[in-house]
Structures are given as C-alpha cells and as structure tokens.
C-alpha cells in the first residue's frame, strides 16, 4: 500500500475518533436532559446518538483490528464520509449547546 493511502486511512480513523468524542458529549447531554424532562424527542435524540456512536466505534474496531487492506478509492471515500459526518456533528453540538 502506498504511503498516501496509509495517511488517508489514518486520517479517516482520526476523524472517526473525533466523531466518537462528539457523540459521547451528545449522549451525556441528552441523557441528562432526558432524565430531567422525559421528552420523547430527547429520547429519540439519545437513541440516535447511541446508534451513531456504536456505528463509529465498530467502524474503528473493524478498520484497526481487522487487518483488511482497503484500496485508495475506499479509503478516500471513507474519509470524505467521515468529514461530512463531522460537519453534521459539529453543527448538532453547536445547536445543542444553545
């Protein structure tokens, strides 16, 4: 595998780790909110955040521990999707904090 592909894979994993951190913050915030107001909407946000958290953690696990060698196209595609998700999570954290 080329050095560029390895760097793209590392960037994709790093972005996923940032996504996991943001999702952990959202889960904590939504959990506290749900415990105090018992809103169905907040419960839905909590459920969504937990599922997205599990998806990101499992993706990190399979990427690092599986030993599968992905091609350049898949690595770049994965990195772009992680960037898009990061943008969405940053906006969600920003809105949630208000």
Foldseek 3Di string as FASTA:
>chain_A
DDPVLVVLLVLLLVLLVVLLVLLVVLLVLLVVVCVVPVDPVSVVSNVVSVVSNVVSVVVSCCSPPVPDDDDSVVSNVSNVVSVVSSVVSVVVSVVSVD
